[in-house]
Structures are given as structure tokens and as C-alpha cells.
N, C-alpha and C. Protein backbone atom coordinates (compact mmCIF):
# COMPACT_ATOMS: atom_id res chain seq x y z
N MET A 1 15.74 -144.97 15.05
CA MET A 1 15.70 -143.78 15.90
C MET A 1 14.83 -144.10 17.12
N ASN A 2 15.22 -143.59 18.25
CA ASN A 2 14.45 -143.77 19.48
C ASN A 2 13.32 -142.75 19.55
N TYR A 3 12.38 -143.02 20.43
CA TYR A 3 11.29 -142.08 20.65
C TYR A 3 10.95 -142.05 22.13
N GLU A 4 10.32 -140.97 22.52
CA GLU A 4 9.80 -140.89 23.88
C GLU A 4 8.53 -140.05 23.86
N PHE A 5 7.66 -140.34 24.81
CA PHE A 5 6.42 -139.61 24.94
C PHE A 5 6.60 -138.43 25.88
N HIS A 6 6.05 -137.30 25.49
CA HIS A 6 5.91 -136.20 26.44
C HIS A 6 5.05 -136.76 27.57
N PRO A 7 5.31 -136.44 28.84
CA PRO A 7 4.53 -137.02 29.94
C PRO A 7 3.01 -136.85 29.78
N GLU A 8 2.57 -135.71 29.29
CA GLU A 8 1.14 -135.50 29.10
C GLU A 8 0.60 -136.34 27.93
N ALA A 9 1.42 -136.56 26.92
CA ALA A 9 1.01 -137.41 25.79
C ALA A 9 0.87 -138.86 26.25
N LEU A 10 1.80 -139.30 27.08
CA LEU A 10 1.71 -140.66 27.61
C LEU A 10 0.47 -140.83 28.46
N SER A 11 0.17 -139.83 29.28
CA SER A 11 -1.01 -139.87 30.14
C SER A 11 -2.29 -139.93 29.31
N GLU A 12 -2.41 -139.10 28.27
CA GLU A 12 -3.63 -139.11 27.46
C GLU A 12 -3.74 -140.42 26.67
N PHE A 13 -2.62 -140.98 26.26
CA PHE A 13 -2.62 -142.27 25.58
C PHE A 13 -3.16 -143.36 26.52
N GLN A 14 -2.66 -143.39 27.73
CA GLN A 14 -3.10 -144.40 28.70
C GLN A 14 -4.57 -144.21 29.08
N GLU A 15 -4.98 -142.96 29.30
CA GLU A 15 -6.37 -142.69 29.66
C GLU A 15 -7.33 -143.09 28.53
N SER A 16 -6.93 -142.84 27.30
CA SER A 16 -7.77 -143.22 26.16
C SER A 16 -7.89 -144.73 26.05
N ALA A 17 -6.79 -145.43 26.28
CA ALA A 17 -6.83 -146.90 26.24
C ALA A 17 -7.76 -147.44 27.32
N VAL A 18 -7.69 -146.88 28.51
CA VAL A 18 -8.57 -147.31 29.61
C VAL A 18 -10.03 -147.02 29.25
N PHE A 19 -10.30 -145.85 28.67
CA PHE A 19 -11.65 -145.51 28.26
C PHE A 19 -12.18 -146.52 27.26
N TYR A 20 -11.42 -146.80 26.21
CA TYR A 20 -11.88 -147.74 25.19
C TYR A 20 -12.09 -149.13 25.76
N GLU A 21 -11.22 -149.54 26.66
CA GLU A 21 -11.38 -150.86 27.27
C GLU A 21 -12.64 -150.91 28.12
N SER A 22 -13.00 -149.79 28.75
CA SER A 22 -14.22 -149.75 29.56
C SER A 22 -15.48 -149.80 28.69
N GLN A 23 -15.35 -149.42 27.43
CA GLN A 23 -16.48 -149.45 26.51
C GLN A 23 -16.74 -150.85 25.97
N GLN A 24 -15.65 -151.58 25.75
CA GLN A 24 -15.77 -152.93 25.21
C GLN A 24 -14.46 -153.68 25.49
N ILE A 25 -14.56 -154.86 26.01
CA ILE A 25 -13.37 -155.65 26.31
C ILE A 25 -12.59 -155.89 25.01
N GLY A 26 -11.31 -155.59 25.07
CA GLY A 26 -10.44 -155.75 23.92
C GLY A 26 -10.27 -154.51 23.08
N LEU A 27 -11.16 -153.55 23.22
CA LEU A 27 -11.08 -152.33 22.41
C LEU A 27 -9.89 -151.48 22.83
N GLY A 28 -9.58 -151.46 24.12
CA GLY A 28 -8.40 -150.73 24.59
C GLY A 28 -7.12 -151.30 24.01
N THR A 29 -7.06 -152.62 23.93
CA THR A 29 -5.90 -153.29 23.35
C THR A 29 -5.77 -152.95 21.87
N ARG A 30 -6.89 -152.89 21.17
CA ARG A 30 -6.86 -152.51 19.75
C ARG A 30 -6.40 -151.06 19.58
N PHE A 31 -6.83 -150.19 20.50
CA PHE A 31 -6.39 -148.80 20.45
C PHE A 31 -4.88 -148.71 20.66
N ILE A 32 -4.38 -149.42 21.65
CA ILE A 32 -2.93 -149.42 21.91
C ILE A 32 -2.18 -149.90 20.67
N ALA A 33 -2.66 -150.96 20.04
CA ALA A 33 -2.02 -151.49 18.84
C ALA A 33 -2.03 -150.47 17.70
N ALA A 34 -3.13 -149.73 17.56
CA ALA A 34 -3.23 -148.72 16.51
C ALA A 34 -2.23 -147.59 16.73
N VAL A 35 -2.11 -147.15 17.97
CA VAL A 35 -1.16 -146.08 18.28
C VAL A 35 0.27 -146.60 18.11
N GLN A 36 0.54 -147.82 18.57
CA GLN A 36 1.89 -148.38 18.42
C GLN A 36 2.26 -148.54 16.96
N SER A 37 1.30 -148.94 16.14
CA SER A 37 1.55 -149.05 14.70
C SER A 37 1.90 -147.68 14.11
N ALA A 38 1.20 -146.65 14.55
CA ALA A 38 1.49 -145.28 14.09
C ALA A 38 2.90 -144.87 14.51
N VAL A 39 3.25 -145.15 15.76
CA VAL A 39 4.59 -144.81 16.26
C VAL A 39 5.66 -145.58 15.49
N ASP A 40 5.41 -146.85 15.21
CA ASP A 40 6.37 -147.65 14.44
C ASP A 40 6.60 -147.03 13.06
N HIS A 41 5.53 -146.59 12.42
CA HIS A 41 5.66 -145.95 11.11
C HIS A 41 6.46 -144.65 11.23
N ILE A 42 6.16 -143.87 12.25
CA ILE A 42 6.86 -142.60 12.47
C ILE A 42 8.35 -142.85 12.66
N VAL A 43 8.70 -143.82 13.48
CA VAL A 43 10.11 -144.13 13.76
C VAL A 43 10.82 -144.60 12.48
N ALA A 44 10.13 -145.39 11.67
CA ALA A 44 10.72 -145.91 10.43
C ALA A 44 10.93 -144.81 9.38
N ALA A 45 10.04 -143.84 9.35
CA ALA A 45 10.11 -142.79 8.32
C ALA A 45 9.64 -141.46 8.91
N PRO A 46 10.42 -140.87 9.81
CA PRO A 46 9.96 -139.66 10.51
C PRO A 46 9.67 -138.47 9.62
N GLN A 47 10.34 -138.37 8.49
CA GLN A 47 10.14 -137.24 7.59
C GLN A 47 8.93 -137.41 6.67
N SER A 48 8.27 -138.56 6.73
CA SER A 48 7.20 -138.87 5.76
C SER A 48 5.92 -138.06 5.96
N CYS A 49 5.69 -137.56 7.14
CA CYS A 49 4.48 -136.77 7.40
C CYS A 49 4.81 -135.29 7.26
N ARG A 50 3.83 -134.57 6.76
CA ARG A 50 4.06 -133.14 6.56
C ARG A 50 4.05 -132.40 7.90
N VAL A 51 4.70 -131.26 7.91
CA VAL A 51 4.72 -130.41 9.10
C VAL A 51 3.35 -129.79 9.24
N MET A 52 2.79 -129.89 10.43
CA MET A 52 1.46 -129.37 10.71
C MET A 52 1.55 -127.94 11.25
N GLU A 53 2.31 -127.76 12.30
CA GLU A 53 2.54 -126.44 12.90
C GLU A 53 3.94 -126.41 13.46
N GLU A 54 4.62 -125.30 13.26
CA GLU A 54 6.02 -125.16 13.68
C GLU A 54 6.79 -126.38 13.19
N ASP A 55 7.34 -127.20 14.07
CA ASP A 55 8.06 -128.40 13.63
C ASP A 55 7.32 -129.67 14.03
N VAL A 56 6.04 -129.57 14.31
CA VAL A 56 5.24 -130.71 14.73
C VAL A 56 4.56 -131.35 13.52
N ARG A 57 4.69 -132.66 13.43
CA ARG A 57 4.10 -133.42 12.35
C ARG A 57 2.95 -134.28 12.88
N ARG A 58 2.10 -134.77 11.98
CA ARG A 58 0.93 -135.53 12.40
C ARG A 58 0.82 -136.83 11.61
N PHE A 59 0.52 -137.91 12.32
CA PHE A 59 0.24 -139.19 11.69
C PHE A 59 -1.09 -139.68 12.22
N LEU A 60 -2.03 -139.98 11.33
CA LEU A 60 -3.36 -140.43 11.75
C LEU A 60 -3.35 -141.93 12.01
N THR A 61 -4.01 -142.34 13.10
CA THR A 61 -4.13 -143.76 13.40
C THR A 61 -5.19 -144.38 12.51
N LYS A 62 -5.11 -145.67 12.38
CA LYS A 62 -6.12 -146.40 11.62
C LYS A 62 -7.27 -146.75 12.57
N VAL A 63 -8.48 -146.72 12.11
CA VAL A 63 -9.72 -147.09 12.79
C VAL A 63 -10.16 -146.04 13.82
N PHE A 64 -9.28 -145.61 14.70
CA PHE A 64 -9.63 -144.67 15.76
C PHE A 64 -9.42 -143.23 15.30
N PRO A 65 -10.24 -142.29 15.79
CA PRO A 65 -10.12 -140.89 15.34
C PRO A 65 -9.02 -140.14 16.11
N TYR A 66 -7.82 -140.66 16.06
CA TYR A 66 -6.69 -140.08 16.79
C TYR A 66 -5.55 -139.79 15.85
N ALA A 67 -4.74 -138.82 16.24
CA ALA A 67 -3.51 -138.50 15.53
C ALA A 67 -2.37 -138.52 16.53
N VAL A 68 -1.24 -139.01 16.08
CA VAL A 68 -0.02 -138.95 16.89
C VAL A 68 0.75 -137.74 16.37
N LEU A 69 0.95 -136.77 17.24
CA LEU A 69 1.69 -135.56 16.90
C LEU A 69 3.11 -135.72 17.43
N TYR A 70 4.09 -135.38 16.61
CA TYR A 70 5.47 -135.60 17.02
C TYR A 70 6.40 -134.54 16.45
N ALA A 71 7.55 -134.42 17.10
CA ALA A 71 8.60 -133.52 16.64
C ALA A 71 9.88 -134.33 16.52
N ILE A 72 10.64 -134.05 15.50
CA ILE A 72 11.91 -134.74 15.29
C ILE A 72 13.00 -133.91 15.97
N GLU A 73 13.56 -134.47 17.01
CA GLU A 73 14.66 -133.82 17.72
C GLU A 73 15.97 -134.34 17.14
N SER A 74 17.09 -133.86 17.65
CA SER A 74 18.38 -134.24 17.07
C SER A 74 18.68 -135.73 17.18
N ASP A 75 18.30 -136.37 18.28
CA ASP A 75 18.64 -137.78 18.44
C ASP A 75 17.46 -138.67 18.84
N TYR A 76 16.25 -138.14 18.78
CA TYR A 76 15.06 -138.93 19.09
C TYR A 76 13.82 -138.25 18.55
N ILE A 77 12.72 -138.97 18.60
CA ILE A 77 11.42 -138.41 18.21
C ILE A 77 10.62 -138.18 19.48
N LEU A 78 10.08 -136.99 19.62
CA LEU A 78 9.25 -136.65 20.78
C LEU A 78 7.79 -136.75 20.38
N ILE A 79 7.06 -137.67 21.01
CA ILE A 79 5.62 -137.76 20.80
C ILE A 79 4.99 -136.68 21.65
N VAL A 80 4.46 -135.67 21.00
CA VAL A 80 3.92 -134.49 21.67
C VAL A 80 2.51 -134.73 22.18
N ALA A 81 1.71 -135.48 21.41
CA ALA A 81 0.32 -135.71 21.80
C ALA A 81 -0.22 -136.95 21.09
N VAL A 82 -1.15 -137.60 21.76
CA VAL A 82 -1.99 -138.63 21.15
C VAL A 82 -3.38 -138.01 21.20
N MET A 83 -3.70 -137.30 20.13
CA MET A 83 -4.81 -136.36 20.11
C MET A 83 -6.06 -136.94 19.45
N HIS A 84 -7.18 -136.80 20.14
CA HIS A 84 -8.47 -137.11 19.54
C HIS A 84 -8.75 -136.02 18.52
N CYS A 85 -9.06 -136.39 17.31
CA CYS A 85 -9.17 -135.42 16.21
C CYS A 85 -10.43 -134.56 16.25
N HIS A 86 -11.36 -134.86 17.15
CA HIS A 86 -12.60 -134.08 17.20
C HIS A 86 -12.73 -133.25 18.48
N ARG A 87 -11.64 -133.08 19.20
CA ARG A 87 -11.68 -132.31 20.43
C ARG A 87 -10.56 -131.28 20.46
N GLU A 88 -10.81 -130.13 20.97
CA GLU A 88 -9.83 -129.07 21.21
C GLU A 88 -8.52 -129.23 20.45
N PRO A 89 -8.48 -128.87 19.20
CA PRO A 89 -7.31 -129.15 18.38
C PRO A 89 -5.99 -128.53 18.84
N GLY A 90 -5.99 -127.42 19.50
CA GLY A 90 -4.73 -126.77 19.86
C GLY A 90 -4.28 -126.94 21.30
N TYR A 91 -4.89 -127.84 22.03
CA TYR A 91 -4.61 -127.96 23.46
C TYR A 91 -3.16 -128.33 23.78
N TRP A 92 -2.45 -128.89 22.85
CA TRP A 92 -1.10 -129.42 23.08
C TRP A 92 0.00 -128.39 22.82
N HIS A 93 -0.31 -127.20 22.35
CA HIS A 93 0.71 -126.22 21.96
C HIS A 93 1.72 -125.91 23.05
N HIS A 94 1.32 -125.92 24.29
CA HIS A 94 2.26 -125.59 25.37
C HIS A 94 3.34 -126.65 25.56
N ARG A 95 3.21 -127.79 24.91
CA ARG A 95 4.17 -128.89 25.08
C ARG A 95 5.41 -128.76 24.21
N ILE A 96 5.36 -127.83 23.24
CA ILE A 96 6.52 -127.71 22.33
C ILE A 96 7.39 -126.52 22.68
């Protein structure tokens, strides 16, 4: 199944990677790999995560305190947010 990022989700993903890279060389790359691993798991088994709110599901990344929030559409997976788990939990609601 294909996937695409909501434009705001892609932006927050990129900004977080830049932030981590600014903290330590290579950390941004590790963050990107963690999120990509989460997306790969989601694409392989989209129904495996429980529904969090409405039709949005959550997959937690490894090592980093982030969750990939996604919705299963008819022919693709929409990544709704790459959310830091300790900040404003409902900020992404307007995206669905």
C-alpha cells in the first residue's frame, strides 16, 4: 500500500530531524530512520495499531518520544502527524 504525508506532518517531520541534527551530528539521521521504520511497519500491517481517535491510529517510534499518527484511506495511508508525545496532544485534529 502507498502512503503520503499530510503537508503539515511532513513539515514537522523535517523540522524535528533538523532539530535533532543540530543537537548532535547523526542524531537527525537516526530520527529519520526511526520514523521511516515506523512508516514501513504501518505500510506492512496498517490494521495492526489500534484506533486512537475517530479513524486515526498511532504507532510509537523506537528510541525517540514520537508517534506516527495515520489514517487508512481507500487506496493509501495518510500520515496525519509525526507527533512528539509530550507536547500538545490534540494539535493535529484539524488535519482529519
